[in-house]
Structures are given as C-alpha cells and as structure tokens.
C-alpha cells in the first residue's frame, strides 16, 4: 500500500527518537543533540546565506531582464525577506524528504562490491561452463546485446545524428 505524500512528508519531518528500551542510545546521542542556541545560530546563518543568494539572484534578474526585472524586484519590497526564509525552509524540508525516502545514490562501496563480484565471475572458467551447461548463456548474451543497444541509442541521442556528427 502506498502512503499519501502528506503522510510521508509528516514522517520525514517528525523528529527521530531512540527507543526507550535501550538507555545506551540516550547516552550516545545525548552529546550530539544540538541545543536551542546552536539551532538558532544555524537558522540565522542559513537565513543570511539565503538572503545573500536571493539578493544576487534578484540583481542578476534585474540585469538580464532590464526595466522589467527592476520593476519585479521593486514590487517584492518587504516580501523579499519572507520569500527568502520560506525558500530556505522549503529547501530544508526537501533535504529531509530526500533522506527519508532514501533517494540518495548507493555508496561507492556497493559499486565496488558488485563490480568485483562480476569481474571474479568473468575470470572464472567454471562459471562459464556452468552457464553453457544450464543454457543460461543465451540469457547472458541477450542481456549483453540489450546493454550494447541501449549504449548505442544513447550515442545516437548524444550526437543528434544516426551516423557521425553533424558538422555545419
């Protein structure tokens, strides 16, 4: 069953607590829990950096859009600071959702273990004999042709030409 986005977002934002049955977790994480002053300082630093970036973006927009950009920046007026703050909060919520939904790519060690096992199998003649005996060699061949075909399609898309590069 798929939970609605609002439920997943609420779970991602909810503060995490260690289980009550393990007091060693409380000892371990007690020192790493930031206090209110540290959180306030981090919020102020984030707000300052967002305001700086937002200001730079507005200046760039004014310069690129000319008089229209200047009018748009002037129309923000006192809403400039709340917009920057809301943007910072939105970005932090997106970070938490990203982590909670496990959207981050796998660690480098996962790639290394997969490729080391594939390389070990490819060098082992017994593995190839077993594939030939069981009839799975055709399946591996089909997978190889599919991978090669996907690679070639990517090349064609990248070149934007079926054969060679368009030189004009």
Protein backbone atom coordinates (compact mmCIF):
# COMPACT_ATOMS: atom_id res chain seq x y z
CA UNK A 1 0.00 0.00 0.00
CA UNK A 2 1.37 3.40 -0.97
CA UNK A 3 1.05 6.11 1.63
CA UNK A 4 -0.01 9.57 0.51
CA UNK A 5 2.73 12.15 0.08
CA UNK A 6 1.50 14.18 3.05
CA UNK A 7 1.92 11.19 5.38
CA UNK A 8 5.43 10.52 4.07
CA UNK A 9 6.31 14.19 4.44
CA UNK A 10 5.00 14.24 8.01
CA UNK A 11 7.10 11.18 8.81
CA UNK A 12 10.18 12.76 7.25
CA UNK A 13 9.78 15.96 9.27
CA UNK A 14 8.95 14.23 12.55
CA UNK A 15 11.90 14.32 14.97
CA UNK A 16 13.57 10.97 15.49
CA UNK A 17 13.96 9.48 18.97
CA UNK A 18 15.95 6.50 20.14
CA UNK A 19 13.95 3.53 21.51
CA UNK A 20 13.21 3.71 25.23
CA UNK A 21 14.35 0.14 25.83
CA UNK A 22 17.99 0.93 25.10
CA UNK A 23 19.46 3.50 27.50
CA UNK A 24 22.85 3.36 25.77
CA UNK A 25 21.30 5.13 22.78
CA UNK A 26 20.34 8.03 25.01
CA UNK A 27 23.89 8.32 26.26
CA UNK A 28 25.37 8.07 22.79
CA UNK A 29 23.11 10.65 21.16
CA UNK A 30 22.73 12.98 24.13
CA UNK A 31 26.03 14.74 23.43
CA UNK A 32 25.32 15.13 19.72
CA UNK A 33 21.89 16.72 20.15
CA UNK A 34 22.19 20.44 19.37
CA UNK A 35 20.79 22.87 21.92
CA UNK A 36 18.47 25.75 21.16
CA UNK A 37 21.27 28.30 20.80
CA UNK A 38 23.07 26.18 18.21
CA UNK A 39 19.86 25.68 16.27
CA UNK A 40 19.11 29.42 16.40
CA UNK A 41 22.63 30.22 15.16
CA UNK A 42 22.31 27.68 12.34
CA UNK A 43 18.95 29.16 11.34
CA UNK A 44 20.40 32.67 11.29
CA UNK A 45 23.40 31.55 9.24
CA UNK A 46 21.13 29.77 6.78
CA UNK A 47 18.88 32.80 6.51
CA UNK A 48 21.87 35.08 5.90
CA UNK A 49 23.25 32.83 3.17
CA UNK A 50 19.83 32.50 1.53
CA UNK A 51 19.29 36.26 1.65
CA UNK A 52 22.70 36.77 0.05
CA UNK A 53 21.93 34.24 -2.70
CA UNK A 54 18.43 35.61 -3.18
CA UNK A 55 19.82 39.12 -3.45
CA UNK A 56 22.35 38.01 -6.05
CA UNK A 57 19.61 36.26 -8.00
CA UNK A 58 17.48 39.39 -7.93
CA UNK A 59 20.39 41.53 -9.13
CA UNK A 60 21.08 39.08 -11.95
CA UNK A 61 17.39 39.07 -12.84
CA UNK A 62 17.32 42.86 -12.89
CA UNK A 63 20.39 43.00 -15.10
CA UNK A 64 19.16 40.33 -17.54
CA UNK A 65 15.56 41.46 -17.72
CA UNK A 66 16.33 45.20 -17.75
CA UNK A 67 13.49 47.51 -16.71
CA UNK A 68 11.04 44.62 -16.27
CA UNK A 69 13.42 42.92 -13.83
CA UNK A 70 13.87 46.14 -11.86
CA UNK A 71 10.10 46.55 -11.57
CA UNK A 72 9.73 42.91 -10.44
CA UNK A 73 12.43 43.34 -7.77
CA UNK A 74 10.90 46.62 -6.60
CA UNK A 75 7.45 45.04 -6.40
CA UNK A 76 8.73 42.47 -3.89
CA UNK A 77 9.59 45.22 -1.43
CA UNK A 78 9.08 43.99 2.11
CA UNK A 79 8.18 40.48 0.89
CA UNK A 80 11.78 39.85 -0.06
CA UNK A 81 12.88 38.59 3.38
CA UNK A 82 9.88 36.27 3.97
CA UNK A 83 10.30 34.81 0.49
CA UNK A 84 13.95 34.09 1.17
CA UNK A 85 13.09 32.50 4.53
CA UNK A 86 10.31 30.36 3.03
CA UNK A 87 12.66 29.25 0.28
CA UNK A 88 15.23 28.18 2.90
CA UNK A 89 12.59 26.23 4.85
CA UNK A 90 11.35 24.57 1.67
CA UNK A 91 14.90 23.54 0.78
CA UNK A 92 15.45 22.02 4.25
CA UNK A 93 12.18 20.08 4.03
CA UNK A 94 13.19 18.74 0.62
CA UNK A 95 16.51 17.60 2.09
CA UNK A 96 14.70 15.69 4.84
CA UNK A 97 12.31 14.08 2.36
CA UNK A 98 15.29 13.13 0.19
CA UNK A 99 16.92 11.34 3.11
CA UNK A 100 13.69 9.81 4.48
CA UNK A 101 12.70 8.37 1.10
CA UNK A 102 16.23 7.03 0.60
CA UNK A 103 16.65 8.82 -2.71
CA UNK A 104 20.40 9.17 -2.35
CA UNK A 105 22.56 7.07 -4.64
CA UNK A 106 24.19 3.94 -3.24
CA UNK A 107 27.60 4.31 -1.63
CA UNK A 108 30.76 3.75 -3.63
CA UNK A 109 31.42 0.52 -1.72
CA UNK A 110 28.25 -1.01 -3.21
CA UNK A 111 29.50 -0.35 -6.74
CA UNK A 112 32.91 -1.75 -5.87
CA UNK A 113 31.46 -4.96 -4.44
CA UNK A 114 29.18 -5.52 -7.45
CA UNK A 115 31.94 -4.96 -9.99
CA UNK A 116 34.44 -7.08 -8.05
CA UNK A 117 31.97 -9.99 -7.97
CA UNK A 118 31.22 -9.56 -11.71
CA UNK A 119 34.93 -9.49 -12.51
CA UNK A 120 35.58 -12.57 -10.38
CA UNK A 121 32.83 -14.46 -12.22
CA UNK A 122 34.05 -13.33 -15.65
CA UNK A 123 37.55 -14.64 -14.94
CA UNK A 124 36.32 -17.98 -13.60
CA UNK A 125 36.10 -20.63 -16.40
CA UNK A 126 33.91 -22.82 -14.19
CA UNK A 127 31.23 -20.10 -14.18
CA UNK A 128 31.16 -20.05 -17.99
CA UNK A 129 30.98 -23.86 -18.16
CA UNK A 130 28.04 -23.83 -15.76
CA UNK A 131 26.27 -21.16 -17.87
CA UNK A 132 26.82 -23.22 -21.01
CA UNK A 133 25.61 -26.43 -19.33
CA UNK A 134 22.45 -24.85 -17.87
CA UNK A 135 21.53 -22.95 -21.04
CA UNK A 136 21.74 -19.56 -19.32
CA UNK A 137 24.48 -18.42 -21.68
CA UNK A 138 21.82 -17.33 -24.19
CA UNK A 139 20.17 -15.22 -21.49
CA UNK A 140 23.51 -13.55 -20.67
CA UNK A 141 24.07 -12.95 -24.40
CA UNK A 142 20.67 -11.32 -24.77
CA UNK A 143 21.40 -9.06 -21.78
CA UNK A 144 24.72 -8.09 -23.37
CA UNK A 145 23.03 -7.24 -26.68
CA UNK A 146 20.40 -5.16 -24.81
CA UNK A 147 23.10 -3.25 -22.92
CA UNK A 148 25.02 -2.62 -26.14
CA UNK A 149 21.84 -1.45 -27.89
CA UNK A 150 20.98 0.96 -25.08
CA UNK A 151 24.54 2.31 -25.23
CA UNK A 152 24.30 2.86 -28.99
CA UNK A 153 20.90 4.59 -28.65
CA UNK A 154 22.47 6.91 -26.10
CA UNK A 155 25.27 7.69 -28.52
CA UNK A 156 22.79 8.46 -31.29
CA UNK A 157 20.84 10.76 -28.99
CA UNK A 158 24.03 12.44 -27.83
CA UNK A 159 25.26 13.04 -31.38
CA UNK A 160 21.79 14.02 -32.57
CA UNK A 161 22.54 12.09 -35.71
CA UNK A 162 22.15 8.46 -36.71
CA UNK A 163 25.61 8.20 -38.26
CA UNK A 164 28.53 10.51 -37.46
CA UNK A 165 28.36 14.06 -36.22
CA UNK A 166 26.54 16.91 -37.94
CA UNK A 167 29.29 19.34 -38.91
CA UNK A 168 27.87 22.60 -40.18
